[in-house]
Protein backbone atom coordinates (compact mmCIF):
# COMPACT_ATOMS: atom_id res chain seq x y z
CA MET A 1 -30.70 9.01 -8.50
CA GLY A 2 -34.09 8.81 -6.51
CA GLN A 3 -34.98 6.92 -3.47
CA ARG A 4 -33.80 3.17 -3.25
CA ILE A 5 -35.87 0.49 -1.51
CA GLN A 6 -33.33 0.30 1.27
CA ASP A 7 -34.19 3.88 2.13
CA ILE A 8 -37.84 2.95 2.84
CA ILE A 9 -36.42 -0.16 4.65
CA SER A 10 -33.94 1.91 6.93
CA PHE A 11 -36.87 4.59 7.84
CA LEU A 12 -39.32 1.84 8.66
CA GLU A 13 -36.75 -0.15 10.79
CA GLY A 14 -36.04 3.04 12.70
CA ILE A 15 -39.69 3.18 13.82
CA ALA A 16 -40.00 -0.71 14.51
CA PRO A 17 -36.60 -2.13 14.83
CA PRO A 18 -36.27 -5.83 13.72
CA ALA A 19 -34.73 -6.47 17.15
CA TYR A 20 -38.15 -5.99 18.47
CA GLN A 21 -39.91 -8.76 16.65
CA GLU A 22 -40.73 -12.27 18.23
CA SER A 23 -38.17 -15.18 17.81
CA TYR A 24 -40.60 -17.14 15.48
CA ASP A 25 -41.45 -14.05 13.36
CA ASN A 26 -39.93 -13.03 9.72
CA ALA A 27 -40.14 -9.26 9.79
CA THR A 28 -37.56 -8.66 7.15
CA LEU A 29 -36.97 -8.19 3.48
CA ILE A 30 -38.46 -11.34 2.16
CA CYS A 31 -37.37 -10.92 -1.66
CA GLY A 32 -36.18 -8.40 -3.88
CA ASP A 33 -33.03 -5.87 -4.35
CA ARG A 34 -32.84 -3.48 -1.53
CA ASN A 35 -30.37 -1.44 -3.75
CA ALA A 36 -32.87 -1.04 -6.48
CA GLU A 37 -34.27 2.28 -7.31
CA LEU A 38 -37.57 2.61 -5.97
CA THR A 39 -40.52 3.08 -8.58
CA GLY A 40 -43.50 3.09 -5.92
CA VAL A 41 -44.63 1.53 -2.52
CA LEU A 42 -47.93 -0.53 -2.18
CA CYS A 43 -48.83 -0.93 1.38
CA THR A 44 -50.79 -3.82 2.35
CA LEU A 45 -51.90 -6.03 5.58
CA ASP A 46 -51.20 -9.20 3.56
CA CYS A 47 -49.13 -9.95 0.25
CA THR A 48 -51.02 -12.40 -2.12
CA GLU A 49 -50.59 -13.03 -5.62
CA ALA A 50 -53.31 -10.55 -6.32
CA VAL A 51 -51.53 -7.92 -4.40
CA VAL A 52 -48.18 -8.53 -6.48
CA GLU A 53 -50.39 -8.32 -9.54
CA GLU A 54 -51.74 -4.94 -8.19
CA ALA A 55 -48.26 -3.79 -7.72
CA ILE A 56 -47.20 -4.85 -11.18
CA SER A 57 -49.97 -2.85 -12.70
CA LEU A 58 -49.25 0.19 -10.50
CA GLY A 59 -45.63 0.59 -11.50
CA ALA A 60 -44.82 -0.02 -7.81
CA ASN A 61 -41.67 -2.29 -7.02
CA LEU A 62 -41.91 -2.59 -3.24
CA VAL A 63 -44.75 -4.14 -1.28
CA VAL A 64 -44.76 -3.15 2.56
CA ALA A 65 -46.92 -5.84 4.11
CA HIS A 66 -47.82 -6.40 7.83
CA HIS A 67 -47.75 -10.19 7.48
CA PRO A 68 -44.74 -11.87 6.36
CA ILE A 69 -45.79 -14.03 3.20
CA VAL A 70 -42.72 -16.44 4.29
CA PHE A 71 -43.27 -17.24 7.84
CA LYS A 72 -41.13 -20.52 7.82
CA GLY A 73 -38.34 -21.56 5.76
CA LEU A 74 -39.04 -22.35 2.06
CA LYS A 75 -37.60 -25.81 0.62
CA SER A 76 -38.63 -25.37 -2.67
CA LEU A 77 -40.16 -23.01 -5.12
CA THR A 78 -42.27 -25.00 -7.52
CA GLY A 79 -45.74 -23.04 -7.23
CA LYS A 80 -47.35 -25.75 -5.23
CA ASN A 81 -49.10 -23.31 -2.75
CA TYR A 82 -49.94 -19.52 -2.67
CA VAL A 83 -46.93 -18.82 -0.68
CA GLU A 84 -44.68 -20.07 -3.33
CA ARG A 85 -46.62 -18.58 -6.21
CA THR A 86 -46.52 -15.18 -4.54
CA VAL A 87 -42.92 -15.26 -4.15
CA ILE A 88 -42.30 -16.58 -7.56
CA LYS A 89 -44.51 -13.74 -9.16
CA ALA A 90 -42.68 -11.08 -7.11
CA ILE A 91 -39.17 -12.30 -8.26
CA LYS A 92 -40.15 -12.59 -11.98
CA HIS A 93 -41.49 -9.08 -11.86
CA ASP A 94 -38.80 -7.46 -9.74
CA ILE A 95 -41.26 -6.78 -7.05
CA ALA A 96 -39.47 -6.47 -3.39
CA ILE A 97 -41.59 -7.64 -0.68
CA TYR A 98 -40.89 -6.35 2.90
CA ALA A 99 -42.76 -7.49 5.83
CA ILE A 100 -42.90 -5.33 9.36
CA HIS A 101 -44.85 -7.52 11.52
CA THR A 102 -44.40 -8.17 15.33
CA ASN A 103 -41.81 -5.32 15.70
CA LEU A 104 -44.50 -2.83 14.52
CA ASP A 105 -47.01 -4.58 16.97
CA HIS A 106 -44.60 -4.04 19.79
CA VAL A 107 -43.69 -0.28 19.51
CA ALA A 108 -45.76 2.36 21.43
CA ASN A 109 -46.76 4.21 18.14
CA GLY A 110 -47.53 0.94 16.18
CA VAL A 111 -50.53 -1.30 15.52
CA ASN A 112 -52.14 -1.25 18.79
CA LYS A 113 -51.87 2.58 19.22
CA ARG A 114 -53.61 2.71 15.82
CA ILE A 115 -56.62 0.72 17.25
CA SER A 116 -56.66 2.80 20.57
CA ASP A 117 -56.82 5.87 18.48
CA ARG A 118 -59.76 4.81 16.41
CA LEU A 119 -61.57 4.02 19.58
CA GLY A 120 -60.50 7.36 21.11
CA LEU A 121 -58.56 6.03 24.09
CA ILE A 122 -56.74 8.21 26.32
CA ASN A 123 -53.75 7.39 28.88
CA THR A 124 -52.56 4.69 26.69
CA LYS A 125 -49.70 2.39 27.79
CA ILE A 126 -48.24 -0.87 26.68
CA LEU A 127 -49.99 -3.68 28.10
CA GLN A 128 -47.23 -6.31 28.47
CA PRO A 129 -43.80 -4.30 28.28
CA LYS A 130 -41.10 -6.46 27.12
CA LYS A 131 -37.77 -6.96 29.46
CA ASP A 132 -34.16 -7.42 28.49
CA LEU A 133 -34.01 -4.75 25.67
CA LEU A 134 -32.03 -2.20 27.49
CA ASN A 135 -28.51 -1.69 28.37
CA LYS A 136 -26.71 0.81 30.80
CA LEU A 137 -23.60 2.46 29.72
CA VAL A 138 -21.09 3.86 32.15
CA PHE A 139 -18.20 5.82 30.88
CA PHE A 140 -15.91 8.68 32.23
CA VAL A 141 -14.74 11.72 30.47
CA PRO A 142 -12.90 14.85 31.44
CA LEU A 143 -15.09 17.66 32.67
CA PRO A 144 -14.28 20.25 29.71
CA GLU A 145 -15.22 17.57 27.17
CA LYS A 146 -18.34 16.11 28.79
CA ASP A 147 -21.01 18.19 26.77
CA ARG A 148 -19.35 17.20 23.38
CA VAL A 149 -19.35 13.38 24.03
CA LEU A 150 -22.59 13.43 25.63
CA GLU A 151 -24.14 15.17 22.39
CA ALA A 152 -22.56 12.41 20.40
CA VAL A 153 -23.96 9.60 22.63
CA PHE A 154 -27.45 10.78 22.71
CA ALA A 155 -27.45 11.40 18.97
CA ALA A 156 -26.54 7.85 18.58
CA GLY A 157 -29.73 6.75 20.41
CA ALA A 158 -28.72 6.63 24.22
CA GLY A 159 -30.82 8.63 26.89
CA GLN A 160 -34.31 7.89 25.85
CA ILE A 161 -36.50 7.11 28.62
CA GLY A 162 -40.38 7.33 27.63
CA GLU A 163 -41.14 10.99 26.38
CA TYR A 164 -37.92 12.11 28.18
CA LYS A 165 -34.73 12.25 25.75
CA ASP A 166 -31.00 13.31 26.89
CA CYS A 167 -31.45 11.35 30.06
CA SER A 168 -28.32 11.02 31.83
CA PHE A 169 -26.94 10.57 35.56
CA GLN A 170 -23.46 12.37 36.14
CA LEU A 171 -20.86 12.42 39.11
CA GLU A 172 -17.73 14.40 39.09
CA GLY A 173 -14.70 12.81 40.58
CA THR A 174 -10.69 12.24 40.05
CA GLY A 175 -9.44 9.90 37.46
CA THR A 176 -6.04 8.64 37.85
CA PHE A 177 -3.55 7.21 35.35
CA THR A 178 0.06 6.63 34.28
CA PRO A 179 0.77 6.74 30.64
CA SER A 180 3.24 4.25 29.30
CA ASP A 181 6.18 5.36 26.85
CA ASN A 182 4.23 4.13 23.95
CA ALA A 183 1.02 5.94 24.88
CA ASN A 184 -0.30 9.16 23.24
CA PRO A 185 -2.06 10.86 26.11
CA PHE A 186 -4.57 13.74 25.84
CA SER A 187 -3.39 15.15 29.12
CA GLY A 188 -0.47 14.26 31.34
CA GLN A 189 3.07 13.23 30.47
CA LYS A 190 4.59 9.65 29.69
CA GLY A 191 5.57 7.87 32.64
CA VAL A 192 4.32 10.32 34.98
CA PRO A 193 1.33 9.55 37.51
CA SER A 194 -1.37 11.98 36.47
CA GLN A 195 -4.84 13.09 37.85
CA GLU A 196 -7.84 14.51 35.82
CA LYS A 197 -11.13 15.94 36.79
CA GLU A 198 -13.50 13.53 35.28
CA VAL A 199 -17.43 12.94 35.03
CA ARG A 200 -18.69 9.53 35.68
CA ILE A 201 -21.68 9.41 32.98
CA GLU A 202 -24.43 6.77 33.05
CA VAL A 203 -26.99 6.43 30.50
CA ILE A 204 -29.71 3.91 29.29
CA LEU A 205 -29.90 2.65 25.74
CA PRO A 206 -31.72 0.22 23.45
CA SER A 207 -29.62 -3.21 23.43
CA HIS A 208 -29.85 -3.36 19.52
CA LEU A 209 -27.92 0.14 19.32
CA LYS A 210 -25.02 -0.67 21.58
CA SER A 211 -22.48 -1.07 18.96
CA ARG A 212 -23.52 2.36 17.28
CA ILE A 213 -23.65 4.32 20.39
CA ILE A 214 -20.22 2.74 21.82
CA SER A 215 -18.78 3.68 18.56
CA ALA A 216 -19.86 7.16 18.73
CA MET A 217 -18.58 7.69 22.28
CA LYS A 218 -15.41 6.43 21.36
CA LYS A 219 -15.02 8.49 18.30
CA SER A 220 -15.99 11.74 20.28
CA HIS A 221 -14.06 10.87 23.16
CA PRO A 222 -10.72 12.68 23.86
CA TYR A 223 -8.94 9.71 25.35
CA GLU A 224 -6.79 7.27 23.72
CA GLU A 225 -8.19 4.47 25.74
CA VAL A 226 -11.62 4.88 27.01
CA ALA A 227 -12.93 3.53 30.43
CA TYR A 228 -16.59 2.23 30.04
CA TYR A 229 -19.03 -0.44 31.22
CA LEU A 230 -21.79 -1.99 29.46
CA SER A 231 -24.29 -3.87 31.53
CA PRO A 232 -27.66 -5.76 30.49
CA LEU A 233 -30.65 -4.49 32.31
CA GLU A 234 -33.87 -6.66 33.36
CA ASN A 235 -35.85 -3.24 33.36
CA GLU A 236 -39.19 -3.26 31.49
CA ASN A 237 -39.07 -1.16 28.42
CA GLN A 238 -42.32 0.63 28.77
CA GLU A 239 -42.22 1.71 25.09
CA VAL A 240 -42.01 -1.84 23.68
CA GLY A 241 -44.17 -4.63 24.25
CA ALA A 242 -47.42 -6.28 23.48
CA GLY A 243 -51.10 -5.08 23.61
CA MET A 244 -52.26 -1.72 24.81
CA VAL A 245 -54.56 -0.46 27.35
CA GLY A 246 -56.39 2.94 27.83
CA GLU A 247 -59.47 4.74 28.89
CA LEU A 248 -62.53 6.08 27.19
CA LEU A 249 -62.92 9.72 27.59
CA GLU A 250 -66.43 8.96 29.35
CA PRO A 251 -67.49 5.45 30.53
CA MET A 252 -70.16 3.94 28.26
CA ASN A 253 -72.68 1.09 29.06
CA GLU A 254 -71.54 -2.21 27.40
CA ALA A 255 -74.06 -2.44 24.62
CA ASN A 256 -73.34 1.04 23.42
CA PHE A 257 -69.57 0.37 23.67
CA LEU A 258 -70.13 -2.65 21.61
CA ASP A 259 -71.94 -0.78 18.81
CA TYR A 260 -69.31 1.83 19.03
CA LEU A 261 -66.45 -0.66 18.43
CA LYS A 262 -68.58 -2.19 15.67
CA GLU A 263 -68.88 1.37 14.09
CA LYS A 264 -65.03 2.27 14.71
CA MET A 265 -63.61 -0.82 13.54
CA ASN A 266 -65.85 -1.28 10.62
CA LEU A 267 -67.28 -4.66 11.69
CA LYS A 268 -70.08 -6.76 10.32
CA PHE A 269 -70.01 -8.79 13.61
CA LEU A 270 -68.02 -9.76 16.81
CA LYS A 271 -68.12 -12.42 19.45
CA HIS A 272 -68.11 -11.61 23.13
CA THR A 273 -68.54 -13.22 26.43
CA ALA A 274 -71.63 -12.25 28.67
CA LEU A 275 -72.02 -8.50 29.72
CA LYS A 276 -71.59 -7.77 33.23
CA GLY A 277 -74.00 -5.06 33.58
CA LYS A 278 -71.32 -2.51 34.37
CA LYS A 279 -69.77 0.44 32.63
CA ILE A 280 -66.89 0.34 30.34
CA LYS A 281 -64.02 2.82 30.93
CA LYS A 282 -60.64 0.99 30.88
CA VAL A 283 -60.12 -0.94 27.57
CA ALA A 284 -57.51 -3.43 26.88
CA LEU A 285 -56.55 -4.57 23.41
CA CYS A 286 -54.11 -6.32 20.98
CA GLY A 287 -54.33 -6.55 17.32
CA GLY A 288 -54.22 -10.19 15.93
CA ALA A 289 -53.99 -13.17 18.10
CA GLY A 290 -53.78 -11.77 21.53
CA ILE A 291 -55.38 -14.34 23.96
CA PHE A 292 -52.02 -14.66 25.66
CA LEU A 293 -52.66 -11.03 27.13
CA LEU A 294 -55.82 -11.92 28.89
CA GLY A 295 -54.12 -12.17 32.11
CA ASP A 296 -52.36 -8.90 31.97
CA ALA A 297 -56.01 -7.16 30.66
CA LYS A 298 -57.08 -8.73 34.06
CA ARG A 299 -54.38 -7.41 36.04
CA ALA A 300 -54.65 -3.99 34.41
CA GLY A 301 -58.18 -3.70 35.67
CA ALA A 302 -59.64 -3.48 31.99
CA ASP A 303 -63.56 -3.75 31.56
CA ILE A 304 -63.06 -5.29 28.18
CA PHE A 305 -60.40 -7.09 26.34
CA ILE A 306 -60.40 -6.60 22.55
CA THR A 307 -58.57 -9.09 20.31
CA ALA A 308 -58.83 -11.94 17.84
CA ASP A 309 -58.46 -15.77 16.99
CA VAL A 310 -60.07 -16.63 20.60
CA LYS A 311 -60.71 -20.24 20.74
CA TYR A 312 -63.87 -21.52 22.21
CA HIS A 313 -62.47 -22.78 25.49
CA GLU A 314 -60.54 -19.58 25.80
CA PHE A 315 -63.59 -17.63 26.17
CA PHE A 316 -64.37 -19.44 29.54
CA ASP A 317 -61.05 -17.91 30.94
CA ALA A 318 -62.41 -14.60 30.91
CA ASP A 319 -64.02 -16.23 34.17
CA GLY A 320 -66.52 -13.16 34.65
CA GLN A 321 -63.74 -10.72 35.19
CA LEU A 322 -64.10 -8.72 32.26
CA ILE A 323 -65.66 -8.99 28.67
CA LEU A 324 -63.50 -10.91 26.24
CA CYS A 325 -64.30 -9.74 22.61
CA ASP A 326 -63.08 -11.44 19.54
CA ILE A 327 -63.26 -9.03 16.58
CA GLY A 328 -61.33 -11.15 13.89
CA HIS A 329 -57.76 -11.17 12.87
CA TYR A 330 -58.12 -9.34 9.64
CA GLU A 331 -60.60 -6.62 11.28
CA SER A 332 -58.22 -6.06 14.03
CA GLU A 333 -55.33 -5.15 11.78
CA ILE A 334 -56.48 -3.91 8.43
CA PHE A 335 -55.86 -0.15 9.55
CA THR A 336 -52.14 -1.24 9.67
CA LYS A 337 -51.96 -0.38 6.14
CA ASP A 338 -53.01 3.31 6.60
CA LEU A 339 -50.56 3.62 9.34
CA LEU A 340 -47.85 2.52 7.07
CA SER A 341 -49.03 4.76 4.29
CA GLU A 342 -49.18 7.85 6.53
CA LEU A 343 -45.85 7.03 7.95
CA LEU A 344 -44.29 6.90 4.61
CA SER A 345 -45.97 9.78 3.09
CA GLN A 346 -44.90 12.19 5.98
CA ASN A 347 -41.49 11.26 5.33
CA PHE A 348 -41.39 10.54 1.62
CA PRO A 349 -43.69 13.10 0.14
CA ASN A 350 -42.24 12.74 -3.59
CA ILE A 351 -42.63 8.89 -3.65
CA ALA A 352 -45.36 6.94 -5.58
CA LEU A 353 -47.26 5.59 -2.68
CA TYR A 354 -50.36 3.38 -2.82
CA LEU A 355 -52.95 1.63 -0.50
CA THR A 356 -54.01 -1.86 -1.74
CA LYS A 357 -57.77 -2.22 -3.09
CA VAL A 358 -57.32 -6.08 -2.76
CA VAL A 359 -59.46 -7.70 0.07
CA THR A 360 -56.99 -10.27 1.59
CA ASN A 361 -59.40 -11.46 4.23
CA PRO A 362 -59.52 -15.18 3.90
CA THR A 363 -62.78 -15.59 5.47
CA SER A 364 -66.28 -14.47 4.23
CA TYR A 365 -69.49 -13.78 6.25
CA ARG A 366 -73.06 -14.59 5.43
């Protein structure tokens, strides 16, 4: 049997875990059988009726979209609007629709990194890192068994801090215990007070992986009963969050940079606040509707903040501290489909993979 739809979903969720999406979002399998054999994948920014028709014509039974076609709950499926018609058509033709939205926005190598790369930014980092996504795990293990247990914990996803993996803190000490008559001790004797040279190990882990990591620790641990503590952390996760900020290799004057921005993002037009007569060096950005990050862009010392869906009065909020630039929602995120295609082609070289040719931009310009 070849690849299943679930194989694609599992891979994508390994890159952008659903736990990283916003509470209002619906990044998930919208419709379709996740256990069906895969016949092809069509990557798109939006899933519309025309995109589903394109998938049918290509023989692809999975559409991977950035924007969820179902954003709020559906109370009926009668075809009264484009959302219902799209879902009905997909179900009739056994087309699965999978959305990978704000979770892909929030990872360090996601949507905003793709925009940053197109603009040639260096020294990039998350503009607004998320909190409350990390746990600390503390456990105790006999000294000779330390490496084996640590290897299992790391393999399950613990110990990653930015660009550093296999991170831990270790402190040697003495553990004491008295096995009961019903115990099956790894060391020591039933009913006899015992001591064991142990290592206290501390690791940081993503909260959404805690069950898997604790299971790996227990499975690899020699003790019948494992002593451990799991604590939530308020630390910012520097690898997960909204927006991105980086620097140009060389400063550019404002007019030249705006021309450069139009070229790199294939823009017909853009809207921006008044130029300030300064060089552009530090650039903050957020694909899609990112005006909520304006304060973060200011605090980061950005010379320009690039986003979309800025309302008239929100332009005033730039307050002369930086240039606020609206390039359009579709235009800011259209290259997400290329990102998805590249990720899938690198890891599934033998699947039928397509980029949509349908222009799903709901706005036109004259």
